[in-house]
Amino acid sequence: MMTGRGSETGAAGGPARHIPVLLSEVVSSLRMKAGGVYLDGTFGAGGYTRAILDADPTCKVIALDRDPDAVMAGFALVQKAEGRLVLVESEFSVLDDEALKAGFTALDGVVLDIGVSSMQLDEAERGFSFRHDGPLDMRMAQAGTSAADIVNEADEAHLADILYHFGEERKSRHIAKAIVAARGEARITTTKQLADIVAKVIWPKPGQIHPATRTFQALRIAVNDELGELVRALQAAERILKPGGALSVVTFHSLEDRIVKQFFASRSGRTGGSRFQPQAETAAATFSTTGKWPVTATDDEIAANPRARSAKLRAGIRTDAPADVADDGLAALATLPEATRGRR
């Protein structure tokens, strides 16, 4: 059974290929209102968008995806929605700008499902997965710097930093050294070439993830600036949500979840100060986060959709306080630490 940001059925648009994670929990967290306007920042195969459209026949949805293939595949759903869906090719980091372009000055809800979709993983020519041999690409927008560019052109220390900080790969320096040695003989152009290089450094063990998993994750994050996009999207949602509007975010690994967790902690006034220093004056809370977070998948959902195993949903409700423009340290979580860059 395939997984990802999509749905197998849906009255609003007919069959699609994938199963959205934590679907009912996400829709519930949006606290939908009759006639509300919602933004799906990670359209994918349209699973969350369908569910929102189906939940209230009077609501409207603005859906974004930077992958032109996803946008093209979504045109049928736009037609089915009969004027209730606007689908835009765009990064979700500028979701507030896209909402304004669509004629909406405030939103009732924003949903983000962070990471790569199964559609992208399943297409060998996109180069996201080591499960299929294909060009070493990984570009969600199909433009700009590719994974092959980074692997073949970044210096060894920078490669090690990418693998360590974005992939949490303990063998980052060994892998980077092996990559540089291999590319000295021939340019690394395919997913299989890279996976084989990593497998020579980290021996595969039964019952454990493929040795190249963290390397591919790290490169994908670097190619698409995924963590930076996430930080900017959270801030954009804060600016465009109306009081009482909901922000719901599904993450799939610790780096993403750490950013979302810190964002809600900071914006709800739950960030603690040091006991050795006076408590600094804090801005008014821009989100409330009542309830127990994160929400995770049930055993039944994990059995039907293995991708749900690592999924975490966090959500908050917008207050009437002005958007917080202070530096809360989120940007530092989304970039390589300057102190280590080039020294690993």
Protein backbone atom coordinates (compact mmCIF):
# COMPACT_ATOMS: atom_id res chain seq x y z
CA MET A 1 0.00 0.00 0.00
CA MET A 2 1.45 3.34 -1.04
CA THR A 3 1.85 6.19 1.38
CA GLY A 4 2.19 9.93 1.20
CA ARG A 5 0.33 13.20 0.96
CA GLY A 6 -2.73 11.95 -0.85
CA SER A 7 -5.85 9.85 -0.64
CA GLU A 8 -7.34 6.76 -2.22
CA THR A 9 -10.87 8.11 -2.25
CA GLY A 10 -12.59 11.44 -1.84
CA ALA A 11 -15.91 12.87 -2.91
CA ALA A 12 -14.33 16.15 -3.87
CA GLY A 13 -12.03 14.76 -6.50
CA GLY A 14 -12.23 11.03 -7.10
CA PRO A 15 -9.46 8.45 -6.73
CA ALA A 16 -5.84 9.36 -6.04
CA ARG A 17 -2.78 7.28 -5.36
CA HIS A 18 -1.72 7.86 -1.78
CA ILE A 19 -2.85 7.84 1.82
CA PRO A 20 -2.50 11.01 3.90
CA VAL A 21 -1.10 10.54 7.39
CA LEU A 22 -3.18 11.38 10.50
CA LEU A 23 -5.97 12.59 8.22
CA SER A 24 -8.86 12.69 10.70
CA GLU A 25 -6.64 14.15 13.40
CA VAL A 26 -5.46 16.94 11.09
CA VAL A 27 -9.00 17.86 10.01
CA SER A 28 -10.17 17.81 13.64
CA SER A 29 -7.28 20.06 14.70
CA LEU A 30 -8.34 22.69 12.15
CA ARG A 31 -11.61 23.27 14.04
CA MET A 32 -13.34 23.99 10.76
CA LYS A 33 -15.93 26.73 10.50
CA ALA A 34 -18.75 27.06 7.97
CA GLY A 35 -17.57 29.13 5.04
CA GLY A 36 -13.96 29.13 6.24
CA VAL A 37 -10.88 29.61 4.08
CA TYR A 38 -8.04 27.10 4.54
CA LEU A 39 -4.59 26.72 3.07
CA ASP A 40 -2.91 23.38 2.36
CA GLY A 41 0.76 24.26 1.99
CA THR A 42 1.84 20.79 0.88
CA PHE A 43 -0.74 19.65 -1.68
CA GLY A 44 1.01 16.49 -2.90
CA ALA A 45 -1.73 14.19 -4.19
CA GLY A 46 -4.41 16.33 -2.58
CA GLY A 47 -5.35 14.17 0.42
CA TYR A 48 -5.71 16.90 3.03
CA THR A 49 -7.27 19.27 0.51
CA ARG A 50 -9.93 16.69 -0.38
CA ALA A 51 -10.70 16.02 3.26
CA ILE A 52 -11.12 19.73 4.01
CA LEU A 53 -13.37 20.26 0.98
CA ASP A 54 -15.45 17.23 1.92
CA ALA A 55 -15.77 18.27 5.56
CA ASP A 56 -17.60 21.51 4.73
CA PRO A 57 -19.28 22.16 1.36
CA THR A 58 -19.15 25.92 2.02
CA CYS A 59 -15.40 26.23 2.66
CA LYS A 60 -12.66 27.24 0.24
CA VAL A 61 -9.08 25.97 -0.02
CA ILE A 62 -5.87 27.48 -1.34
CA ALA A 63 -3.39 24.68 -2.04
CA LEU A 64 0.32 25.10 -2.73
CA ASP A 65 3.03 22.79 -4.03
CA ARG A 66 6.42 23.68 -5.45
CA ASP A 67 6.48 20.49 -7.53
CA PRO A 68 5.03 21.27 -10.97
CA ASP A 69 4.07 17.62 -11.45
CA ALA A 70 1.87 17.72 -8.33
CA VAL A 71 0.18 20.91 -9.50
CA MET A 72 -0.47 19.49 -12.95
CA ALA A 73 -1.93 16.31 -11.47
CA GLY A 74 -4.23 18.38 -9.26
CA PHE A 75 -6.09 20.15 -12.06
CA ALA A 76 -8.83 17.51 -12.05
CA LEU A 77 -9.51 18.21 -8.39
CA VAL A 78 -9.67 21.95 -9.11
CA GLN A 79 -12.38 21.27 -11.69
CA LYS A 80 -14.30 18.99 -9.33
CA ALA A 81 -14.21 21.59 -6.58
CA GLU A 82 -16.14 24.02 -8.82
CA GLY A 83 -14.54 27.26 -7.70
CA ARG A 84 -13.77 26.24 -4.12
CA LEU A 85 -10.12 25.35 -4.75
CA VAL A 86 -7.21 27.50 -5.92
CA LEU A 87 -4.08 25.46 -6.70
CA VAL A 88 -0.77 27.31 -7.01
CA GLU A 89 2.79 26.26 -7.85
CA SER A 90 4.70 27.87 -5.01
CA GLU A 91 6.88 27.27 -1.97
CA PHE A 92 4.89 27.25 1.25
CA SER A 93 7.36 29.69 2.81
CA VAL A 94 5.42 32.49 1.07
CA LEU A 95 1.98 31.13 1.86
CA ASP A 96 0.80 34.49 3.22
CA ASP A 97 1.71 36.21 -0.04
CA GLU A 98 -0.09 33.53 -2.04
CA ALA A 99 -3.21 33.89 0.11
CA LEU A 100 -3.20 37.64 -0.49
CA LYS A 101 -2.76 37.11 -4.24
CA ALA A 102 -5.80 34.82 -4.16
CA GLY A 103 -7.82 37.60 -2.55
CA PHE A 104 -7.80 36.49 1.09
CA THR A 105 -6.42 38.81 3.76
CA ALA A 106 -6.80 36.25 6.56
CA LEU A 107 -7.19 32.47 6.83
CA ASP A 108 -9.15 30.18 9.13
CA GLY A 109 -6.57 27.42 9.00
CA VAL A 110 -3.23 26.27 7.59
CA VAL A 111 -2.03 22.68 7.30
CA LEU A 112 1.52 21.57 6.46
CA ASP A 113 2.73 18.00 5.89
CA ILE A 114 6.51 18.33 5.92
CA GLY A 115 8.90 16.31 3.81
CA VAL A 116 8.99 14.38 0.59
CA SER A 117 5.84 12.78 -0.78
CA SER A 118 5.57 9.15 -1.83
CA MET A 119 4.86 10.23 -5.39
CA GLN A 120 8.33 11.73 -5.53
CA LEU A 121 9.93 8.73 -3.83
CA ASP A 122 8.27 6.35 -6.26
CA GLU A 123 9.52 8.12 -9.40
CA ALA A 124 13.07 6.96 -10.09
CA GLU A 125 13.80 9.88 -12.40
CA ARG A 126 13.31 12.33 -9.50
CA GLY A 127 16.29 10.82 -7.66
CA PHE A 128 14.88 10.98 -4.12
CA SER A 129 15.25 7.32 -3.19
CA PHE A 130 17.96 4.69 -3.21
CA ARG A 131 15.24 2.06 -3.74
CA HIS A 132 15.17 2.95 -7.44
CA ASP A 133 18.23 3.69 -9.54
CA GLY A 134 17.90 7.05 -11.20
CA PRO A 135 19.58 10.42 -11.64
CA LEU A 136 20.83 11.93 -8.38
CA ASP A 137 18.47 14.89 -8.42
CA MET A 138 16.11 15.41 -5.38
CA ARG A 139 14.86 18.84 -6.48
CA MET A 140 11.21 19.27 -5.48
CA ALA A 141 10.81 22.30 -7.72
CA GLN A 142 12.78 20.59 -10.53
CA ALA A 143 15.11 23.61 -10.76
CA GLY A 144 18.26 24.88 -9.09
CA THR A 145 21.11 23.00 -7.43
CA SER A 146 20.70 19.21 -7.49
CA ALA A 147 21.97 16.54 -5.12
CA ALA A 148 24.53 15.56 -7.78
CA ASP A 149 25.84 19.14 -7.79
CA ILE A 150 26.38 19.07 -4.03
CA VAL A 151 27.89 15.58 -3.98
CA ASN A 152 30.34 16.37 -6.76
CA GLU A 153 31.23 19.99 -5.99
CA ALA A 154 31.04 20.59 -2.21
CA ASP A 155 34.30 20.25 -0.33
CA GLU A 156 34.75 17.33 2.03
CA ALA A 157 34.22 19.32 5.24
CA HIS A 158 31.02 20.90 3.96
CA LEU A 159 29.70 17.53 2.83
CA ALA A 160 30.38 16.13 6.29
CA ASP A 161 28.53 19.04 7.89
CA ILE A 162 25.48 18.46 5.68
CA LEU A 163 25.36 14.76 6.52
CA TYR A 164 25.90 15.30 10.23
CA HIS A 165 23.52 18.19 10.86
CA PHE A 166 20.75 17.45 8.35
CA GLY A 167 20.95 13.66 8.43
CA GLU A 168 22.16 13.14 12.00
CA GLU A 169 24.68 10.74 10.46
CA ARG A 170 27.41 9.74 12.94
CA LYS A 171 29.68 8.45 10.18
CA SER A 172 29.45 11.75 8.28
CA ARG A 173 33.20 12.36 7.99
CA HIS A 174 33.87 8.81 6.78
CA ILE A 175 31.09 9.02 4.20
CA ALA A 176 32.23 12.44 2.99
CA LYS A 177 35.77 11.15 2.57
CA ALA A 178 34.50 8.15 0.58
CA ILE A 179 32.39 10.39 -1.66
CA VAL A 180 35.33 12.67 -2.44
CA ALA A 181 37.52 9.67 -3.24
CA ALA A 182 34.88 8.15 -5.51
CA ARG A 183 34.17 11.36 -7.41
CA GLY A 184 37.89 11.73 -8.03
CA GLU A 185 37.61 8.71 -10.29
CA ALA A 186 34.25 9.52 -11.93
CA ARG A 187 31.39 11.94 -11.38
CA ILE A 188 28.64 10.54 -9.14
CA THR A 189 25.43 10.86 -11.13
CA THR A 190 22.99 8.18 -9.93
CA THR A 191 21.24 7.20 -6.70
CA LYS A 192 22.72 3.70 -6.89
CA GLN A 193 26.26 5.02 -7.15
CA LEU A 194 25.82 7.09 -4.00
CA ALA A 195 24.03 4.34 -2.08
CA ASP A 196 26.80 1.88 -2.95
CA ILE A 197 29.47 4.32 -1.74
CA VAL A 198 27.71 4.74 1.61
CA ALA A 199 27.15 0.98 1.96
CA LYS A 200 30.92 0.46 1.75
CA VAL A 201 31.36 2.75 4.76
CA ILE A 202 28.40 1.56 6.83
CA TRP A 203 27.82 -2.16 6.61
CA PRO A 204 24.13 -3.10 6.21
CA LYS A 205 22.71 -4.92 9.22
CA PRO A 206 19.54 -7.06 9.30
CA GLY A 207 16.59 -5.26 10.83
CA GLN A 208 18.13 -1.79 10.56
CA ILE A 209 17.48 1.01 8.10
CA HIS A 210 19.43 1.08 4.86
CA PRO A 211 22.88 2.59 5.52
CA ALA A 212 22.24 5.36 2.98
CA THR A 213 18.96 6.52 4.56
CA ARG A 214 20.43 9.41 6.56
CA THR A 215 22.71 10.51 3.73
CA PHE A 216 19.80 10.77 1.31
CA GLN A 217 17.70 12.60 3.90
CA ALA A 218 20.48 15.10 4.53
CA LEU A 219 21.04 15.84 0.85
CA ARG A 220 17.32 16.21 0.18
CA ILE A 221 17.01 18.71 3.03
CA ALA A 222 20.03 20.66 1.77
CA VAL A 223 18.89 20.68 -1.87
CA ASN A 224 15.42 21.97 -1.03
CA ASP A 225 16.27 24.08 2.03
CA GLU A 226 13.49 22.18 3.76
CA LEU A 227 14.19 23.39 7.28
CA GLY A 228 14.52 27.01 6.20
CA GLU A 229 11.27 26.68 4.24
CA LEU A 230 9.57 25.27 7.34
CA VAL A 231 10.70 28.15 9.57
CA ARG A 232 9.51 30.73 7.05
CA ALA A 233 6.20 28.91 6.55
CA LEU A 234 5.46 28.88 10.29
CA GLN A 235 6.15 32.61 10.46
CA ALA A 236 4.03 33.23 7.35
CA ALA A 237 1.13 31.27 8.86
CA GLU A 238 1.39 33.36 12.01
CA ARG A 239 1.03 36.52 9.90
CA ILE A 240 -1.95 35.40 7.81
CA LEU A 241 -4.08 33.43 10.29
CA LYS A 242 -7.03 35.29 11.78
CA PRO A 243 -7.71 35.13 15.54
CA GLY A 244 -9.11 31.66 16.23
CA GLY A 245 -7.46 30.24 13.12
CA ALA A 246 -5.63 26.92 13.40
CA LEU A 247 -2.11 25.93 12.35
CA SER A 248 -1.59 22.15 12.03
CA VAL A 249 1.81 20.68 11.14
CA VAL A 250 2.73 17.03 10.51
CA THR A 251 6.44 16.17 10.70
CA PHE A 252 8.36 12.96 10.06
CA HIS A 253 11.76 13.33 11.69
CA SER A 254 13.32 14.96 14.72
CA LEU A 255 14.81 17.99 12.95
CA GLU A 256 11.43 19.12 11.65
CA ASP A 257 9.62 18.34 14.88
CA ARG A 258 12.21 20.24 16.93
CA ILE A 259 11.53 23.40 14.91
CA VAL A 260 7.74 23.07 15.15
CA LYS A 261 7.91 22.28 18.86
CA GLN A 262 10.13 25.30 19.55
CA PHE A 263 7.92 27.56 17.42
CA PHE A 264 4.78 26.70 19.38
CA ALA A 265 6.64 26.87 22.70
CA SER A 266 7.97 30.33 21.85
CA ARG A 267 4.72 31.64 20.45
CA SER A 268 2.57 30.34 23.32
CA GLY A 269 4.86 31.80 25.98
CA ARG A 270 6.03 28.42 27.25
CA THR A 271 9.75 28.99 26.58
CA GLY A 272 11.48 28.90 29.93
CA GLY A 273 14.23 31.29 30.98
CA SER A 274 17.44 30.55 32.84
CA ARG A 275 17.28 30.30 36.63
CA PHE A 276 20.60 32.19 36.74
CA GLN A 277 19.25 35.27 34.94
CA PRO A 278 16.26 37.55 35.43
CA GLN A 279 13.19 36.53 33.45
CA ALA A 280 13.17 38.51 30.23
CA GLU A 281 10.03 40.31 29.20
CA THR A 282 8.18 38.14 26.69
CA ALA A 283 5.88 39.16 23.85
CA ALA A 284 2.17 38.38 24.05
CA ALA A 285 1.37 34.80 23.05
CA THR A 286 0.37 34.52 19.40
CA PHE A 287 -0.78 30.89 19.68
CA SER A 288 -2.53 28.80 22.30
CA THR A 289 -1.72 25.10 22.40
CA THR A 290 -4.32 23.48 24.64
CA GLY A 291 -4.37 19.71 24.54
CA LYS A 292 -1.74 16.99 24.51
CA TRP A 293 0.83 17.31 21.71
CA PRO A 294 2.21 15.72 19.66
CA VAL A 295 -0.49 13.44 18.33
CA THR A 296 0.86 10.22 16.83
CA ALA A 297 -0.65 7.48 14.70
CA THR A 298 -2.59 4.56 16.14
CA ASP A 299 -1.35 0.99 15.75
CA ASP A 300 -4.06 0.38 13.15
CA GLU A 301 -2.94 3.33 11.02
CA ILE A 302 0.70 2.29 11.25
CA ALA A 303 -0.22 -1.24 10.15
CA ALA A 304 -2.07 0.15 7.11
CA ASN A 305 0.40 2.93 6.38
CA PRO A 306 3.97 2.33 7.66
CA ARG A 307 4.99 5.93 6.90
CA ALA A 308 2.73 7.02 9.76
CA ARG A 309 5.06 5.40 12.30
CA SER A 310 7.28 8.47 12.57
CA ALA A 311 4.57 11.11 12.03
CA LYS A 312 3.88 13.73 14.69
CA LEU A 313 1.10 16.30 14.59
CA ARG A 314 1.38 19.56 16.49
CA ALA A 315 -1.22 22.32 16.31
CA GLY A 316 -2.05 25.69 17.78
CA ILE A 317 -4.82 28.29 17.68
CA ARG A 318 -4.01 31.87 16.71
CA THR A 319 -4.65 34.53 19.33
CA ASP A 320 -5.37 38.18 18.58
CA ALA A 321 -1.82 39.30 19.47
CA PRO A 322 0.31 40.84 16.70
CA ALA A 323 2.70 38.48 14.90
CA ASP A 324 6.01 38.09 16.75
CA VAL A 325 8.97 39.44 14.77
CA ALA A 326 11.65 38.75 17.40
CA ASP A 327 14.52 36.35 16.70
CA ASP A 328 13.52 33.16 18.51
CA GLY A 329 16.42 30.99 17.41
CA LEU A 330 14.42 29.07 14.80
CA ALA A 331 16.66 30.15 11.92
CA ALA A 332 19.67 28.66 13.70
CA LEU A 333 17.94 25.27 13.78
CA ALA A 334 17.45 25.40 10.01
CA THR A 335 21.03 26.10 8.97
CA LEU A 336 24.45 24.54 9.37
CA PRO A 337 26.18 25.91 12.48
CA GLU A 338 28.81 28.46 11.43
CA ALA A 339 31.17 27.27 14.15
CA THR A 340 31.45 23.81 12.64
CA ARG A 341 31.06 24.59 8.95
CA GLY A 342 34.23 23.65 7.17
CA ARG A 343 35.85 22.13 10.25
CA ARG A 344 34.39 18.63 10.42
